[in-house]
Each structure stands twice: as C-alpha cells, then as structure tokens.
Amino acid sequence: MTLDRRLVLLAAGGSAALLLGAFVFQYFGYAPCKLCLWQRWPHAAAIAIGLLAFAVPGAWLRWAGALSATATGILGIYHTGVERAWWQGPDSCTSGGSLAGSADDLLNQIMAAPLVRCDEVAWSLLGLSMASWNAIASFALALIWVAAARRA
C-alpha cells in the first residue's frame, strides 16, 4: 500500500473513530446538541471521501477530505465559542431571552427551549469540551489529508 493510501486510511479512520466516539457518548447519556450534530456530518463525508479515494486516483478527493476535516474543525471552534460565551450561538439551541411578557409568553418560551443546549458543556477533559477536542483532532486529520494530497 502506498504512503498516500495509508494516510487516507489514517485520516478517514480518524473521522470514523471520532464519529464512533460521539455515538458512544450518546449511548451513555450525553445527548448531542444541534451544533454537535452539525459537527458529525463532515466526519461522515470524510469517511465517504476516504472510501472513494481508494478507488479514484488523484489528489482532488484528498483535498476534499482535507476540506471536510477543516469544516468540522471550524464548527468545533464555533461550538467552543458558544460554550464559552465568546459569541452567541443559534437561537434554536442556546439560552437567552428575557422574563418579560405575560405568563403565556413565558410558558411558550419554556416550551420552545431546546432539550440539549449548545451553550452548556456536557463533558470536558483537561478543561476542554468535546467540541474543543473535536476541533483539535479534526485539524490534525486535515493535515493528514493534506499530506496525502501532496503525495498523490
């Protein structure tokens, strides 16, 4: 097996491992928020790209894999910023609003609140949330994809 194919296997396998890890956390009670789910899609794309890269020669699929890994890394940084209140996240998964208004308005606000909020850290290791770790790992995977593209 050539070096570029080994790198593709490592990069796509890394995305598969991260995606599997997310599902394991979900199985053990850490329900994903909206931003967590958004971070999963580029990993799924990277896995599919990795499978295609074994059948189709050339560097363009490897660059697509790098783009996919970079996309989930950027989403991880965005999610980390939402968790740390550096910026506001989507209204559909963050807390906010006011207590002003009628009792009906308040009840509607409570009922519309997301079950899993994007602005709360569900789990962390060494002070970094899952979103932060995903960003770090994803950017590392993007570098592996770039190395594979340069060797293709």
N, C-alpha and C. Protein backbone atom coordinates (compact mmCIF):
# COMPACT_ATOMS: atom_id res chain seq x y z
N MET A 1 0.86 -1.18 0.00
CA MET A 1 0.00 0.00 0.00
C MET A 1 0.90 1.24 0.00
N THR A 2 0.57 2.18 -0.85
CA THR A 2 1.37 3.40 -0.96
C THR A 2 1.15 4.29 0.27
N LEU A 3 2.08 5.22 0.44
CA LEU A 3 2.02 6.12 1.59
C LEU A 3 0.76 6.99 1.56
N ASP A 4 0.40 7.50 0.37
CA ASP A 4 -0.79 8.35 0.32
C ASP A 4 -2.04 7.57 0.68
N ARG A 5 -2.12 6.30 0.30
CA ARG A 5 -3.27 5.48 0.67
C ARG A 5 -3.29 5.20 2.18
N ARG A 6 -2.12 5.01 2.75
CA ARG A 6 -2.06 4.82 4.21
C ARG A 6 -2.52 6.08 4.93
N LEU A 7 -2.12 7.23 4.41
CA LEU A 7 -2.55 8.49 5.02
C LEU A 7 -4.06 8.69 4.88
N VAL A 8 -4.61 8.33 3.72
CA VAL A 8 -6.07 8.40 3.53
C VAL A 8 -6.76 7.49 4.53
N LEU A 9 -6.24 6.28 4.69
CA LEU A 9 -6.82 5.34 5.65
C LEU A 9 -6.76 5.90 7.07
N LEU A 10 -5.65 6.51 7.42
CA LEU A 10 -5.49 7.11 8.74
C LEU A 10 -6.46 8.27 8.95
N ALA A 11 -6.58 9.14 7.95
CA ALA A 11 -7.45 10.31 8.07
C ALA A 11 -8.92 9.92 8.11
N ALA A 12 -9.34 9.06 7.18
CA ALA A 12 -10.74 8.62 7.17
C ALA A 12 -11.03 7.77 8.40
N GLY A 13 -10.07 6.96 8.80
CA GLY A 13 -10.24 6.17 10.02
C GLY A 13 -10.34 7.04 11.26
N GLY A 14 -9.61 8.15 11.26
CA GLY A 14 -9.69 9.10 12.37
C GLY A 14 -11.08 9.71 12.47
N SER A 15 -11.65 10.08 11.32
CA SER A 15 -13.02 10.61 11.33
C SER A 15 -14.01 9.54 11.78
N ALA A 16 -13.78 8.30 11.35
CA ALA A 16 -14.66 7.20 11.79
C ALA A 16 -14.56 7.01 13.30
N ALA A 17 -13.35 7.10 13.83
CA ALA A 17 -13.16 6.94 15.27
C ALA A 17 -13.84 8.08 16.04
N LEU A 18 -13.71 9.31 15.55
CA LEU A 18 -14.36 10.44 16.21
C LEU A 18 -15.88 10.32 16.16
N LEU A 19 -16.39 9.89 15.02
CA LEU A 19 -17.83 9.71 14.87
C LEU A 19 -18.32 8.58 15.77
N LEU A 20 -17.58 7.50 15.81
CA LEU A 20 -17.93 6.39 16.70
C LEU A 20 -17.90 6.84 18.16
N GLY A 21 -16.89 7.62 18.52
CA GLY A 21 -16.80 8.15 19.88
C GLY A 21 -18.01 9.00 20.23
N ALA A 22 -18.46 9.80 19.29
CA ALA A 22 -19.66 10.63 19.52
C ALA A 22 -20.87 9.75 19.78
N PHE A 23 -20.99 8.67 19.02
CA PHE A 23 -22.13 7.76 19.21
C PHE A 23 -22.03 7.03 20.56
N VAL A 24 -20.81 6.70 20.97
CA VAL A 24 -20.62 6.05 22.28
C VAL A 24 -21.03 7.01 23.40
N PHE A 25 -20.60 8.25 23.32
CA PHE A 25 -21.02 9.24 24.32
C PHE A 25 -22.54 9.37 24.33
N GLN A 26 -23.13 9.39 23.15
CA GLN A 26 -24.59 9.50 23.07
C GLN A 26 -25.25 8.28 23.70
N TYR A 27 -24.71 7.10 23.47
CA TYR A 27 -25.26 5.87 24.05
C TYR A 27 -25.23 5.92 25.57
N PHE A 28 -24.18 6.52 26.12
CA PHE A 28 -24.05 6.59 27.57
C PHE A 28 -24.68 7.84 28.18
N GLY A 29 -25.59 8.47 27.46
CA GLY A 29 -26.41 9.51 28.04
C GLY A 29 -26.04 10.95 27.74
N TYR A 30 -25.03 11.17 26.92
CA TYR A 30 -24.66 12.53 26.54
C TYR A 30 -25.34 12.87 25.22
N ALA A 31 -26.57 13.31 25.31
CA ALA A 31 -27.33 13.63 24.10
C ALA A 31 -26.67 14.79 23.36
N PRO A 32 -26.59 14.70 22.04
CA PRO A 32 -25.95 15.76 21.27
C PRO A 32 -26.87 16.97 21.09
N CYS A 33 -26.25 18.13 21.08
CA CYS A 33 -27.00 19.34 20.76
C CYS A 33 -26.96 19.54 19.24
N LYS A 34 -27.60 20.58 18.80
CA LYS A 34 -27.66 20.87 17.36
C LYS A 34 -26.27 21.05 16.76
N LEU A 35 -25.39 21.80 17.44
CA LEU A 35 -24.04 22.02 16.92
C LEU A 35 -23.21 20.74 16.93
N CYS A 36 -23.46 19.88 17.91
CA CYS A 36 -22.77 18.58 17.93
C CYS A 36 -23.13 17.77 16.69
N LEU A 37 -24.42 17.79 16.37
CA LEU A 37 -24.87 17.05 15.19
C LEU A 37 -24.27 17.64 13.91
N TRP A 38 -24.17 18.96 13.85
CA TRP A 38 -23.57 19.60 12.67
C TRP A 38 -22.13 19.15 12.49
N GLN A 39 -21.41 18.92 13.60
CA GLN A 39 -20.01 18.52 13.51
C GLN A 39 -19.85 17.09 13.01
N ARG A 40 -20.90 16.29 13.10
CA ARG A 40 -20.81 14.90 12.67
C ARG A 40 -20.83 14.75 11.15
N TRP A 41 -21.56 15.63 10.47
CA TRP A 41 -21.73 15.48 9.02
C TRP A 41 -20.42 15.55 8.24
N PRO A 42 -19.53 16.49 8.51
CA PRO A 42 -18.26 16.49 7.76
C PRO A 42 -17.41 15.24 8.04
N HIS A 43 -17.53 14.68 9.24
CA HIS A 43 -16.81 13.42 9.50
C HIS A 43 -17.37 12.31 8.63
N ALA A 44 -18.69 12.25 8.52
CA ALA A 44 -19.31 11.23 7.65
C ALA A 44 -18.86 11.43 6.21
N ALA A 45 -18.79 12.69 5.78
CA ALA A 45 -18.32 12.98 4.42
C ALA A 45 -16.87 12.54 4.26
N ALA A 46 -16.04 12.79 5.25
CA ALA A 46 -14.62 12.40 5.17
C ALA A 46 -14.47 10.88 5.06
N ILE A 47 -15.32 10.15 5.74
CA ILE A 47 -15.29 8.69 5.64
C ILE A 47 -15.64 8.26 4.22
N ALA A 48 -16.71 8.84 3.68
CA ALA A 48 -17.11 8.51 2.31
C ALA A 48 -16.03 8.90 1.31
N ILE A 49 -15.43 10.06 1.51
CA ILE A 49 -14.35 10.52 0.63
C ILE A 49 -13.17 9.56 0.72
N GLY A 50 -12.87 9.09 1.92
CA GLY A 50 -11.78 8.13 2.09
C GLY A 50 -12.02 6.85 1.33
N LEU A 51 -13.26 6.37 1.36
CA LEU A 51 -13.60 5.15 0.62
C LEU A 51 -13.45 5.39 -0.88
N LEU A 52 -13.91 6.53 -1.35
CA LEU A 52 -13.78 6.86 -2.78
C LEU A 52 -12.33 7.04 -3.19
N ALA A 53 -11.53 7.59 -2.30
CA ALA A 53 -10.13 7.87 -2.62
C ALA A 53 -9.34 6.59 -2.88
N PHE A 54 -9.81 5.47 -2.38
CA PHE A 54 -9.14 4.22 -2.68
C PHE A 54 -9.44 3.74 -4.09
N ALA A 55 -10.59 4.14 -4.64
CA ALA A 55 -10.98 3.71 -5.98
C ALA A 55 -10.60 4.71 -7.06
N VAL A 56 -10.54 5.99 -6.70
CA VAL A 56 -10.30 7.04 -7.69
C VAL A 56 -8.92 7.65 -7.45
N PRO A 57 -8.04 7.57 -8.44
CA PRO A 57 -6.71 8.15 -8.26
C PRO A 57 -6.74 9.68 -8.34
N GLY A 58 -5.69 10.28 -7.88
CA GLY A 58 -5.57 11.73 -7.96
C GLY A 58 -5.69 12.39 -6.61
N ALA A 59 -5.33 13.66 -6.61
CA ALA A 59 -5.28 14.40 -5.35
C ALA A 59 -6.59 15.08 -4.99
N TRP A 60 -7.50 15.28 -5.93
CA TRP A 60 -8.68 16.10 -5.66
C TRP A 60 -9.55 15.54 -4.55
N LEU A 61 -9.71 14.22 -4.45
CA LEU A 61 -10.50 13.66 -3.35
C LEU A 61 -9.80 13.85 -2.01
N ARG A 62 -8.50 13.79 -2.02
CA ARG A 62 -7.75 14.01 -0.79
C ARG A 62 -7.88 15.46 -0.32
N TRP A 63 -7.91 16.39 -1.27
CA TRP A 63 -8.16 17.79 -0.91
C TRP A 63 -9.58 17.96 -0.39
N ALA A 64 -10.53 17.22 -0.96
CA ALA A 64 -11.91 17.27 -0.46
C ALA A 64 -11.97 16.73 0.97
N GLY A 65 -11.19 15.70 1.26
CA GLY A 65 -11.12 15.18 2.62
C GLY A 65 -10.56 16.21 3.59
N ALA A 66 -9.53 16.93 3.13
CA ALA A 66 -8.95 18.00 3.96
C ALA A 66 -9.98 19.09 4.22
N LEU A 67 -10.74 19.44 3.20
CA LEU A 67 -11.78 20.45 3.36
C LEU A 67 -12.85 20.00 4.34
N SER A 68 -13.22 18.74 4.25
CA SER A 68 -14.23 18.20 5.17
C SER A 68 -13.74 18.21 6.61
N ALA A 69 -12.52 17.78 6.83
CA ALA A 69 -11.96 17.78 8.18
C ALA A 69 -11.82 19.21 8.71
N THR A 70 -11.43 20.12 7.83
CA THR A 70 -11.33 21.52 8.24
C THR A 70 -12.70 22.08 8.61
N ALA A 71 -13.71 21.71 7.84
CA ALA A 71 -15.07 22.19 8.12
C ALA A 71 -15.54 21.77 9.51
N THR A 72 -15.32 20.52 9.88
CA THR A 72 -15.76 20.10 11.21
C THR A 72 -14.89 20.72 12.30
N GLY A 73 -13.62 21.01 11.98
CA GLY A 73 -12.78 21.73 12.93
C GLY A 73 -13.28 23.14 13.18
N ILE A 74 -13.68 23.82 12.11
CA ILE A 74 -14.24 25.17 12.24
C ILE A 74 -15.54 25.14 13.04
N LEU A 75 -16.38 24.15 12.77
CA LEU A 75 -17.61 24.01 13.55
C LEU A 75 -17.30 23.76 15.02
N GLY A 76 -16.24 22.99 15.29
CA GLY A 76 -15.83 22.74 16.67
C GLY A 76 -15.38 24.01 17.37
N ILE A 77 -14.66 24.87 16.66
CA ILE A 77 -14.25 26.15 17.23
C ILE A 77 -15.47 27.03 17.48
N TYR A 78 -16.37 27.07 16.52
CA TYR A 78 -17.60 27.85 16.69
C TYR A 78 -18.37 27.36 17.91
N HIS A 79 -18.52 26.04 18.04
CA HIS A 79 -19.25 25.47 19.18
C HIS A 79 -18.53 25.79 20.49
N THR A 80 -17.22 25.71 20.50
CA THR A 80 -16.45 26.05 21.69
C THR A 80 -16.70 27.50 22.09
N GLY A 81 -16.73 28.39 21.11
CA GLY A 81 -17.01 29.80 21.39
C GLY A 81 -18.40 30.01 21.97
N VAL A 82 -19.36 29.25 21.49
CA VAL A 82 -20.72 29.33 22.03
C VAL A 82 -20.72 28.83 23.48
N GLU A 83 -20.03 27.72 23.73
CA GLU A 83 -19.96 27.17 25.09
C GLU A 83 -19.30 28.14 26.07
N ARG A 84 -18.30 28.84 25.61
CA ARG A 84 -17.55 29.76 26.47
C ARG A 84 -18.11 31.19 26.46
N ALA A 85 -19.24 31.36 25.78
CA ALA A 85 -19.93 32.65 25.69
C ALA A 85 -19.06 33.73 25.03
N TRP A 86 -18.21 33.31 24.08
CA TRP A 86 -17.44 34.27 23.31
C TRP A 86 -18.33 34.92 22.27
N TRP A 87 -19.34 34.19 21.81
CA TRP A 87 -20.31 34.70 20.85
C TRP A 87 -21.60 33.92 21.03
N GLN A 88 -22.64 34.47 20.45
CA GLN A 88 -23.96 33.86 20.55
C GLN A 88 -24.09 32.73 19.54
N GLY A 89 -24.70 31.65 19.97
CA GLY A 89 -24.96 30.54 19.06
C GLY A 89 -26.33 30.67 18.43
N PRO A 90 -26.73 29.66 17.71
CA PRO A 90 -28.06 29.68 17.10
C PRO A 90 -29.14 29.81 18.17
N ASP A 91 -30.16 30.59 17.87
CA ASP A 91 -31.25 30.77 18.84
C ASP A 91 -31.95 29.45 19.16
N SER A 92 -31.89 28.51 18.26
CA SER A 92 -32.60 27.26 18.45
C SER A 92 -31.94 26.32 19.45
N CYS A 93 -30.72 26.65 19.91
CA CYS A 93 -30.08 25.73 20.86
C CYS A 93 -29.29 26.44 21.95
N THR A 94 -29.55 27.72 22.18
CA THR A 94 -28.86 28.42 23.26
C THR A 94 -29.88 29.08 24.15
N SER A 95 -29.45 29.36 25.36
CA SER A 95 -30.35 30.05 26.27
C SER A 95 -30.34 31.52 25.94
N GLY A 96 -31.29 32.20 26.45
CA GLY A 96 -31.38 33.63 26.18
C GLY A 96 -32.81 34.06 26.43
N GLY A 97 -33.14 35.17 25.92
CA GLY A 97 -34.49 35.66 26.13
C GLY A 97 -34.60 36.33 27.47
N SER A 98 -35.77 36.84 27.71
CA SER A 98 -35.99 37.54 28.96
C SER A 98 -37.23 37.01 29.63
N LEU A 99 -37.43 37.42 30.83
CA LEU A 99 -38.61 37.02 31.57
C LEU A 99 -39.73 38.03 31.42
N ALA A 100 -39.56 38.97 30.53
CA ALA A 100 -40.59 39.98 30.32
C ALA A 100 -41.72 39.37 29.50
N GLY A 101 -42.90 39.87 29.71
CA GLY A 101 -44.06 39.40 28.97
C GLY A 101 -45.05 38.71 29.87
N SER A 102 -46.06 38.18 29.25
CA SER A 102 -47.12 37.53 30.01
C SER A 102 -46.72 36.12 30.43
N ALA A 103 -47.54 35.52 31.24
CA ALA A 103 -47.31 34.14 31.67
C ALA A 103 -47.37 33.20 30.47
N ASP A 104 -48.24 33.48 29.53
CA ASP A 104 -48.32 32.66 28.32
C ASP A 104 -47.04 32.77 27.50
N ASP A 105 -46.49 34.00 27.40
CA ASP A 105 -45.23 34.19 26.68
C ASP A 105 -44.10 33.41 27.35
N LEU A 106 -44.07 33.45 28.67
CA LEU A 106 -43.05 32.73 29.41
C LEU A 106 -43.20 31.23 29.21
N LEU A 107 -44.42 30.72 29.27
CA LEU A 107 -44.65 29.30 29.06
C LEU A 107 -44.23 28.89 27.64
N ASN A 108 -44.57 29.71 26.67
CA ASN A 108 -44.16 29.42 25.29
C ASN A 108 -42.65 29.41 25.15
N GLN A 109 -41.98 30.32 25.85
CA GLN A 109 -40.52 30.39 25.82
C GLN A 109 -39.93 29.13 26.45
N ILE A 110 -40.50 28.68 27.54
CA ILE A 110 -40.01 27.47 28.21
C ILE A 110 -40.24 26.25 27.32
N MET A 111 -41.40 26.16 26.72
CA MET A 111 -41.74 25.01 25.88
C MET A 111 -40.89 24.98 24.60
N ALA A 112 -40.47 26.14 24.13
CA ALA A 112 -39.66 26.21 22.91
C ALA A 112 -38.18 26.03 23.19
N ALA A 113 -37.80 26.02 24.46
CA ALA A 113 -36.38 25.89 24.81
C ALA A 113 -35.86 24.51 24.38
N PRO A 114 -34.65 24.47 23.88
CA PRO A 114 -34.09 23.19 23.44
C PRO A 114 -33.86 22.26 24.63
N LEU A 115 -34.00 20.96 24.37
CA LEU A 115 -33.74 19.98 25.43
C LEU A 115 -32.25 19.89 25.73
N VAL A 116 -31.44 19.97 24.71
CA VAL A 116 -29.99 19.94 24.87
C VAL A 116 -29.46 21.25 24.34
N ARG A 117 -28.89 22.03 25.23
CA ARG A 117 -28.43 23.36 24.85
C ARG A 117 -26.99 23.31 24.32
N CYS A 118 -26.72 24.15 23.35
CA CYS A 118 -25.39 24.23 22.74
C CYS A 118 -24.42 25.05 23.57
N ASP A 119 -24.94 25.85 24.49
CA ASP A 119 -24.07 26.73 25.25
C ASP A 119 -23.70 26.17 26.62
N GLU A 120 -23.94 24.89 26.82
CA GLU A 120 -23.53 24.22 28.06
C GLU A 120 -22.57 23.08 27.73
N VAL A 121 -21.52 22.96 28.51
CA VAL A 121 -20.54 21.88 28.31
C VAL A 121 -21.06 20.65 29.02
N ALA A 122 -21.30 19.59 28.27
CA ALA A 122 -21.81 18.35 28.86
C ALA A 122 -20.68 17.50 29.45
N TRP A 123 -19.48 17.60 28.88
CA TRP A 123 -18.35 16.79 29.30
C TRP A 123 -17.08 17.53 28.93
N SER A 124 -16.07 17.43 29.77
CA SER A 124 -14.78 18.05 29.43
C SER A 124 -13.63 17.21 29.97
N LEU A 125 -12.49 17.39 29.36
CA LEU A 125 -11.26 16.73 29.78
C LEU A 125 -10.15 17.76 29.69
N LEU A 126 -9.42 17.96 30.77
CA LEU A 126 -8.34 18.94 30.83
C LEU A 126 -8.83 20.34 30.48
N GLY A 127 -10.07 20.63 30.85
CA GLY A 127 -10.64 21.95 30.63
C GLY A 127 -11.15 22.19 29.22
N LEU A 128 -11.12 21.17 28.38
CA LEU A 128 -11.59 21.31 27.01
C LEU A 128 -12.84 20.44 26.81
N SER A 129 -13.83 21.01 26.15
CA SER A 129 -15.07 20.29 25.90
C SER A 129 -14.90 19.33 24.72
N MET A 130 -15.94 18.53 24.49
CA MET A 130 -15.92 17.63 23.33
C MET A 130 -15.77 18.42 22.04
N ALA A 131 -16.41 19.58 21.95
CA ALA A 131 -16.30 20.41 20.75
C ALA A 131 -14.86 20.85 20.54
N SER A 132 -14.18 21.22 21.62
CA SER A 132 -12.78 21.64 21.53
C SER A 132 -11.89 20.49 21.08
N TRP A 133 -12.10 19.33 21.69
CA TRP A 133 -11.30 18.16 21.30
C TRP A 133 -11.57 17.78 19.85
N ASN A 134 -12.83 17.89 19.43
CA ASN A 134 -13.15 17.60 18.04
C ASN A 134 -12.41 18.55 17.11
N ALA A 135 -12.35 19.82 17.47
CA ALA A 135 -11.65 20.79 16.63
C ALA A 135 -10.16 20.44 16.52
N ILE A 136 -9.54 20.13 17.63
CA ILE A 136 -8.12 19.79 17.62
C ILE A 136 -7.87 18.55 16.77
N ALA A 137 -8.64 17.51 17.00
CA ALA A 137 -8.45 16.26 16.25
C ALA A 137 -8.76 16.46 14.76
N SER A 138 -9.78 17.25 14.47
CA SER A 138 -10.16 17.47 13.08
C SER A 138 -9.10 18.23 12.31
N PHE A 139 -8.50 19.23 12.93
CA PHE A 139 -7.42 19.96 12.24
C PHE A 139 -6.20 19.06 12.04
N ALA A 140 -5.94 18.16 12.99
CA ALA A 140 -4.86 17.19 12.81
C ALA A 140 -5.17 16.26 11.63
N LEU A 141 -6.43 15.83 11.54
CA LEU A 141 -6.84 14.98 10.42
C LEU A 141 -6.73 15.74 9.09
N ALA A 142 -7.07 17.02 9.11
CA ALA A 142 -6.95 17.83 7.89
C ALA A 142 -5.50 17.86 7.41
N LEU A 143 -4.56 17.97 8.34
CA LEU A 143 -3.14 17.95 7.97
C LEU A 143 -2.74 16.61 7.35
N ILE A 144 -3.31 15.53 7.87
CA ILE A 144 -3.02 14.22 7.29
C ILE A 144 -3.59 14.13 5.88
N TRP A 145 -4.80 14.65 5.67
CA TRP A 145 -5.39 14.69 4.33
C TRP A 145 -4.51 15.51 3.39
N VAL A 146 -4.00 16.64 3.85
CA VAL A 146 -3.13 17.46 3.01
C VAL A 146 -1.87 16.70 2.64
N ALA A 147 -1.29 16.00 3.61
CA ALA A 147 -0.10 15.20 3.31
C ALA A 147 -0.41 14.13 2.27
N ALA A 148 -1.59 13.51 2.37
CA ALA A 148 -1.98 12.51 1.38
C ALA A 148 -2.16 13.14 0.01
N ALA A 149 -2.75 14.33 -0.05
CA ALA A 149 -2.97 15.02 -1.32
C ALA A 149 -1.65 15.38 -1.97
N ARG A 150 -0.70 15.80 -1.17
CA ARG A 150 0.60 16.20 -1.73
C ARG A 150 1.40 15.01 -2.24
N ARG A 151 1.08 13.82 -1.75
CA ARG A 151 1.79 12.62 -2.18
C ARG A 151 1.05 11.87 -3.28
N ALA A 152 -0.16 12.28 -3.58
CA ALA A 152 -0.97 11.56 -4.60
C ALA A 152 -0.43 11.82 -5.99
